[in-house]
Amino acid sequence: MTPRMLEKYRNEIVPKLMQDFKLKNKMAVPAVSKIVVNMGVGEGAADIKVLEKALEELAAITGQKPVIRRSKKAIANFKIRANQPIGAKVTLRKAMMYEFMDRLLNIALPRIRDFRGVSRDSFDKAGNYTLGLSEQIIFPEIEYDRITRTQGMDITFVIKNAKNTEQARALLKYFGMPFKDKE
């Protein structure tokens, strides 16, 4: 079964982007190649149970087993030794990526209190978009009663074939990313 967002991309978004940016070839149209979900768990260095709980929640949110991220070098001010577990990440591609994007844009983001949209300026020079969330409880997969501590995360949309941030922003806008209006 083809994910709903992939069908939307192929049938609606590609023709719109080709028309908007006067592209002749479908292969030149910007596309989301992967989504990386990263959770920094600094307390995981001191208490491994905090890291295990974060891994469990990230697996529930993304539907894929996370990879433990370790520190590269020792930092005395943060009481971190080299090769100590300090975070978790998941890289989503293809069908899993489109399913996660669908849940994020249509279910999770509208559940944020006093939500007015996401920043328009979180693009890097390559056209990738990074969205920071402060709580994991906006996802319906997380049971509110079983939360011991709130945990933030970064979600990066890696976009290929975007010549500039304008093309990348248009792609995400057509997917339904709720950007804030210009102020």
C-alpha atoms as a PDB file:
ATOM      1  CA  MET A   1       0.000   0.000   0.000  1.00  0.00           C
ATOM      2  CA  THR A   2       1.377   3.395  -1.007  1.00  0.00           C
ATOM      3  CA  PRO A   3       1.536   6.025   1.774  1.00  0.00           C
ATOM      4  CA  ARG A   4      -0.929   8.892   1.430  1.00  0.00           C
ATOM      5  CA  MET A   5       1.779  11.574   1.423  1.00  0.00           C
ATOM      6  CA  LEU A   6       3.731   9.798  -1.335  1.00  0.00           C
ATOM      7  CA  GLU A   7       0.620   9.723  -3.545  1.00  0.00           C
ATOM      8  CA  LYS A   8       0.047  13.400  -2.781  1.00  0.00           C
ATOM      9  CA  TYR A   9       3.659  14.158  -3.748  1.00  0.00           C
ATOM     10  CA  ARG A  10       3.458  12.289  -7.037  1.00  0.00           C
ATOM     11  CA  ASN A  11      -0.014  13.443  -8.113  1.00  0.00           C
ATOM     12  CA  GLU A  12      -0.295  17.009  -6.756  1.00  0.00           C
ATOM     13  CA  ILE A  13       3.013  18.432  -5.538  1.00  0.00           C
ATOM     14  CA  VAL A  14       5.291  17.492  -8.465  1.00  0.00           C
ATOM     15  CA  PRO A  15       3.060  19.199 -11.094  1.00  0.00           C
ATOM     16  CA  LYS A  16       2.676  22.308  -8.888  1.00  0.00           C
ATOM     17  CA  LEU A  17       6.430  22.610  -8.327  1.00  0.00           C
ATOM     18  CA  MET A  18       7.182  22.035 -12.019  1.00  0.00           C
ATOM     19  CA  GLN A  19       4.775  24.837 -12.893  1.00  0.00           C
ATOM     20  CA  ASP A  20       5.909  27.226 -10.120  1.00  0.00           C
ATOM     21  CA  PHE A  21       9.635  26.929 -10.842  1.00  0.00           C
ATOM     22  CA  LYS A  22       9.358  26.215 -14.593  1.00  0.00           C
ATOM     23  CA  LEU A  23      11.066  22.846 -14.345  1.00  0.00           C
ATOM     24  CA  LYS A  24      11.030  20.670 -17.454  1.00  0.00           C
ATOM     25  CA  ASN A  25      11.984  17.321 -15.915  1.00  0.00           C
ATOM     26  CA  LYS A  26      10.276  15.515 -13.014  1.00  0.00           C
ATOM     27  CA  MET A  27      13.683  14.375 -11.773  1.00  0.00           C
ATOM     28  CA  ALA A  28      14.682  18.015 -11.128  1.00  0.00           C
ATOM     29  CA  VAL A  29      11.777  18.573  -8.717  1.00  0.00           C
ATOM     30  CA  PRO A  30      12.797  18.876  -5.033  1.00  0.00           C
ATOM     31  CA  ALA A  31      11.969  15.842  -2.891  1.00  0.00           C
ATOM     32  CA  VAL A  32      12.343  14.786   0.737  1.00  0.00           C
ATOM     33  CA  SER A  33      15.029  12.084   0.706  1.00  0.00           C
ATOM     34  CA  LYS A  34      15.029  11.254   4.443  1.00  0.00           C
ATOM     35  CA  ILE A  35      13.879  12.459   7.840  1.00  0.00           C
ATOM     36  CA  VAL A  36      16.273  12.292  10.795  1.00  0.00           C
ATOM     37  CA  VAL A  37      14.795  12.392  14.308  1.00  0.00           C
ATOM     38  CA  ASN A  38      17.410  13.191  16.961  1.00  0.00           C
ATOM     39  CA  MET A  39      16.968  13.180  20.745  1.00  0.00           C
ATOM     40  CA  GLY A  40      19.732  14.565  22.925  1.00  0.00           C
ATOM     41  CA  VAL A  41      19.611  12.883  26.329  1.00  0.00           C
ATOM     42  CA  GLY A  42      22.343  14.511  28.388  1.00  0.00           C
ATOM     43  CA  GLU A  43      21.105  12.888  31.601  1.00  0.00           C
ATOM     44  CA  GLY A  44      21.618   9.515  29.947  1.00  0.00           C
ATOM     45  CA  ALA A  45      25.316   9.846  30.707  1.00  0.00           C
ATOM     46  CA  ALA A  46      24.609   9.707  34.436  1.00  0.00           C
ATOM     47  CA  ASP A  47      21.495   7.492  34.486  1.00  0.00           C
ATOM     48  CA  ILE A  48      21.162   4.784  31.833  1.00  0.00           C
ATOM     49  CA  LYS A  49      17.446   4.277  32.646  1.00  0.00           C
ATOM     50  CA  VAL A  50      16.682   7.780  31.349  1.00  0.00           C
ATOM     51  CA  LEU A  51      18.356   6.888  28.054  1.00  0.00           C
ATOM     52  CA  GLU A  52      16.515   3.543  27.848  1.00  0.00           C
ATOM     53  CA  LYS A  53      13.161   5.292  28.369  1.00  0.00           C
ATOM     54  CA  ALA A  54      14.028   7.861  25.663  1.00  0.00           C
ATOM     55  CA  LEU A  55      14.975   5.026  23.271  1.00  0.00           C
ATOM     56  CA  GLU A  56      11.668   3.290  23.970  1.00  0.00           C
ATOM     57  CA  GLU A  57       9.656   6.482  23.355  1.00  0.00           C
ATOM     58  CA  LEU A  58      11.572   7.333  20.164  1.00  0.00           C
ATOM     59  CA  ALA A  59      10.931   3.813  18.855  1.00  0.00           C
ATOM     60  CA  ALA A  60       7.208   4.214  19.578  1.00  0.00           C
ATOM     61  CA  ILE A  61       7.068   7.610  17.844  1.00  0.00           C
ATOM     62  CA  THR A  62       8.969   6.629  14.695  1.00  0.00           C
ATOM     63  CA  GLY A  63       8.164   2.916  14.422  1.00  0.00           C
ATOM     64  CA  GLN A  64      11.855   2.102  14.004  1.00  0.00           C
ATOM     65  CA  LYS A  65      14.621   1.133  16.441  1.00  0.00           C
ATOM     66  CA  PRO A  66      16.826   4.127  17.374  1.00  0.00           C
ATOM     67  CA  VAL A  67      20.621   4.172  17.282  1.00  0.00           C
ATOM     68  CA  ILE A  68      22.447   5.237  20.449  1.00  0.00           C
ATOM     69  CA  ARG A  69      24.647   8.297  19.897  1.00  0.00           C
ATOM     70  CA  ARG A  70      27.865   8.468  21.925  1.00  0.00           C
ATOM     71  CA  SER A  71      30.111  11.373  22.855  1.00  0.00           C
ATOM     72  CA  LYS A  72      33.176  11.780  20.660  1.00  0.00           C
ATOM     73  CA  LYS A  73      35.418  13.291  23.297  1.00  0.00           C
ATOM     74  CA  ALA A  74      35.465  14.050  27.002  1.00  0.00           C
ATOM     75  CA  ILE A  75      34.090  17.404  28.190  1.00  0.00           C
ATOM     76  CA  ALA A  76      34.846  18.069  31.840  1.00  0.00           C
ATOM     77  CA  ASN A  77      32.397  20.974  32.249  1.00  0.00           C
ATOM     78  CA  PHE A  78      29.479  18.722  31.290  1.00  0.00           C
ATOM     79  CA  LYS A  79      30.844  15.692  33.201  1.00  0.00           C
ATOM     80  CA  ILE A  80      30.969  13.639  30.017  1.00  0.00           C
ATOM     81  CA  ARG A  81      33.620  11.067  29.214  1.00  0.00           C
ATOM     82  CA  ALA A  82      34.546   9.901  25.722  1.00  0.00           C
ATOM     83  CA  ASN A  83      32.276   7.235  24.177  1.00  0.00           C
ATOM     84  CA  GLN A  84      29.502   7.792  26.728  1.00  0.00           C
ATOM     85  CA  PRO A  85      25.851   7.428  25.550  1.00  0.00           C
ATOM     86  CA  ILE A  86      24.291  10.901  25.257  1.00  0.00           C
ATOM     87  CA  GLY A  87      21.476  10.620  22.731  1.00  0.00           C
ATOM     88  CA  ALA A  88      19.499   8.651  20.174  1.00  0.00           C
ATOM     89  CA  LYS A  89      18.627   9.074  16.517  1.00  0.00           C
ATOM     90  CA  VAL A  90      16.459   7.473  13.861  1.00  0.00           C
ATOM     91  CA  THR A  91      16.806   7.901  10.100  1.00  0.00           C
ATOM     92  CA  LEU A  92      13.542   7.344   8.223  1.00  0.00           C
ATOM     93  CA  ARG A  93      13.383   6.707   4.492  1.00  0.00           C
ATOM     94  CA  LYS A  94      10.767   5.798   1.866  1.00  0.00           C
ATOM     95  CA  ALA A  95       7.391   4.549   3.190  1.00  0.00           C
ATOM     96  CA  MET A  96       8.256   4.953   6.897  1.00  0.00           C
ATOM     97  CA  MET A  97       9.333   8.548   6.214  1.00  0.00           C
ATOM     98  CA  TYR A  98       6.064   9.451   4.491  1.00  0.00           C
ATOM     99  CA  GLU A  99       3.978   7.798   7.239  1.00  0.00           C
ATOM    100  CA  PHE A 100       5.907   9.704   9.937  1.00  0.00           C
ATOM    101  CA  MET A 101       5.550  12.980   8.016  1.00  0.00           C
ATOM    102  CA  ASP A 102       1.803  12.401   7.732  1.00  0.00           C
ATOM    103  CA  ARG A 103       1.448  11.823  11.490  1.00  0.00           C
ATOM    104  CA  LEU A 104       3.698  14.784  12.328  1.00  0.00           C
ATOM    105  CA  LEU A 105       1.938  17.320  10.099  1.00  0.00           C
ATOM    106  CA  ASN A 106      -1.662  16.192  10.543  1.00  0.00           C
ATOM    107  CA  ILE A 107      -1.796  14.876  14.118  1.00  0.00           C
ATOM    108  CA  ALA A 108       1.186  15.905  16.260  1.00  0.00           C
ATOM    109  CA  LEU A 109       1.786  19.575  15.346  1.00  0.00           C
ATOM    110  CA  PRO A 110      -1.879  20.607  15.781  1.00  0.00           C
ATOM    111  CA  ARG A 111      -1.764  19.129  19.314  1.00  0.00           C
ATOM    112  CA  ILE A 112       0.825  21.712  20.468  1.00  0.00           C
ATOM    113  CA  ARG A 113      -0.662  24.255  22.866  1.00  0.00           C
ATOM    114  CA  ASP A 114      -0.959  27.809  21.483  1.00  0.00           C
ATOM    115  CA  PHE A 115       0.464  26.652  18.164  1.00  0.00           C
ATOM    116  CA  ARG A 116       0.833  29.441  15.604  1.00  0.00           C
ATOM    117  CA  GLY A 117       3.041  27.688  13.072  1.00  0.00           C
ATOM    118  CA  VAL A 118       6.667  26.684  12.642  1.00  0.00           C
ATOM    119  CA  SER A 119       9.552  29.005  11.827  1.00  0.00           C
ATOM    120  CA  ARG A 120      10.109  29.901   8.166  1.00  0.00           C
ATOM    121  CA  ASP A 121      13.839  30.478   8.708  1.00  0.00           C
ATOM    122  CA  SER A 122      15.077  27.072   9.909  1.00  0.00           C
ATOM    123  CA  PHE A 123      16.567  26.121   6.543  1.00  0.00           C
ATOM    124  CA  ASP A 124      20.285  25.571   6.064  1.00  0.00           C
ATOM    125  CA  LYS A 125      22.242  26.466   2.910  1.00  0.00           C
ATOM    126  CA  ALA A 126      21.504  23.070   1.306  1.00  0.00           C
ATOM    127  CA  GLY A 127      17.735  23.543   1.731  1.00  0.00           C
ATOM    128  CA  ASN A 128      17.304  21.103   4.631  1.00  0.00           C
ATOM    129  CA  TYR A 129      14.713  22.048   7.258  1.00  0.00           C
ATOM    130  CA  THR A 130      15.141  21.401  10.993  1.00  0.00           C
ATOM    131  CA  LEU A 131      12.207  21.549  13.371  1.00  0.00           C
ATOM    132  CA  GLY A 132      12.732  21.529  17.126  1.00  0.00           C
ATOM    133  CA  LEU A 133      10.069  20.141  19.453  1.00  0.00           C
ATOM    134  CA  SER A 134      10.191  20.661  23.202  1.00  0.00           C
ATOM    135  CA  GLU A 135       7.927  17.774  24.253  1.00  0.00           C
ATOM    136  CA  GLN A 136       7.396  14.229  23.056  1.00  0.00           C
ATOM    137  CA  ILE A 137       3.827  14.111  24.425  1.00  0.00           C
ATOM    138  CA  ILE A 138       2.354  15.703  21.292  1.00  0.00           C
ATOM    139  CA  PHE A 139       2.604  12.326  19.560  1.00  0.00           C
ATOM    140  CA  PRO A 140      -0.417  10.065  20.167  1.00  0.00           C
ATOM    141  CA  GLU A 141       1.849   6.986  20.510  1.00  0.00           C
ATOM    142  CA  ILE A 142       3.133   8.292  23.852  1.00  0.00           C
ATOM    143  CA  GLU A 143       0.969   7.574  26.886  1.00  0.00           C
ATOM    144  CA  TYR A 144       0.782  10.722  28.998  1.00  0.00           C
ATOM    145  CA  ASP A 145       0.501   8.796  32.291  1.00  0.00           C
ATOM    146  CA  ARG A 146       3.716   6.833  31.716  1.00  0.00           C
ATOM    147  CA  ILE A 147       5.933   9.904  31.124  1.00  0.00           C
ATOM    148  CA  THR A 148       8.650  10.384  33.743  1.00  0.00           C
ATOM    149  CA  ARG A 149      10.187  13.474  32.139  1.00  0.00           C
ATOM    150  CA  THR A 150       9.481  15.541  29.061  1.00  0.00           C
ATOM    151  CA  GLN A 151      12.015  15.136  26.298  1.00  0.00           C
ATOM    152  CA  GLY A 152      12.644  17.376  23.303  1.00  0.00           C
ATOM    153  CA  MET A 153      13.775  16.352  19.841  1.00  0.00           C
ATOM    154  CA  ASP A 154      15.000  17.725  16.536  1.00  0.00           C
ATOM    155  CA  ILE A 155      13.407  16.608  13.287  1.00  0.00           C
ATOM    156  CA  THR A 156      15.414  17.288  10.122  1.00  0.00           C
ATOM    157  CA  PHE A 157      13.854  17.052   6.665  1.00  0.00           C
ATOM    158  CA  VAL A 158      16.705  16.340   4.217  1.00  0.00           C
ATOM    159  CA  ILE A 159      15.656  17.730   0.838  1.00  0.00           C
ATOM    160  CA  LYS A 160      17.370  16.812  -2.419  1.00  0.00           C
ATOM    161  CA  ASN A 161      17.337  18.765  -5.709  1.00  0.00           C
ATOM    162  CA  ALA A 162      16.384  22.068  -4.055  1.00  0.00           C
ATOM    163  CA  LYS A 163      18.288  24.859  -5.802  1.00  0.00           C
ATOM    164  CA  ASN A 164      17.478  27.315  -3.004  1.00  0.00           C
ATOM    165  CA  THR A 165      15.479  27.614   0.203  1.00  0.00           C
ATOM    166  CA  GLU A 166      12.508  28.990  -1.729  1.00  0.00           C
ATOM    167  CA  GLN A 167      12.070  25.650  -3.540  1.00  0.00           C
ATOM    168  CA  ALA A 168      12.503  23.665  -0.314  1.00  0.00           C
ATOM    169  CA  ARG A 169       9.995  25.888   1.503  1.00  0.00           C
ATOM    170  CA  ALA A 170       7.476  25.464  -1.347  1.00  0.00           C
ATOM    171  CA  LEU A 171       7.860  21.674  -1.199  1.00  0.00           C
ATOM    172  CA  LEU A 172       7.186  21.531   2.547  1.00  0.00           C
ATOM    173  CA  LYS A 173       4.332  24.046   2.257  1.00  0.00           C
ATOM    174  CA  TYR A 174       2.606  21.850  -0.354  1.00  0.00           C
ATOM    175  CA  PHE A 175       3.010  18.863   1.974  1.00  0.00           C
ATOM    176  CA  GLY A 176       1.123  20.873   4.610  1.00  0.00           C
ATOM    177  CA  MET A 177       3.882  22.275   6.835  1.00  0.00           C
ATOM    178  CA  PRO A 178       2.196  25.055   8.850  1.00  0.00           C
ATOM    179  CA  PHE A 179       4.703  27.911   8.448  1.00  0.00           C
ATOM    180  CA  LYS A 180       4.166  31.162  10.357  1.00  0.00           C
ATOM    181  CA  ASP A 181       3.037  34.104   8.298  1.00  0.00           C
ATOM    182  CA  LYS A 182       5.656  36.759   7.541  1.00  0.00           C
ATOM    183  CA  GLU A 183       5.747  39.377  10.245  1.00  0.00           C
END
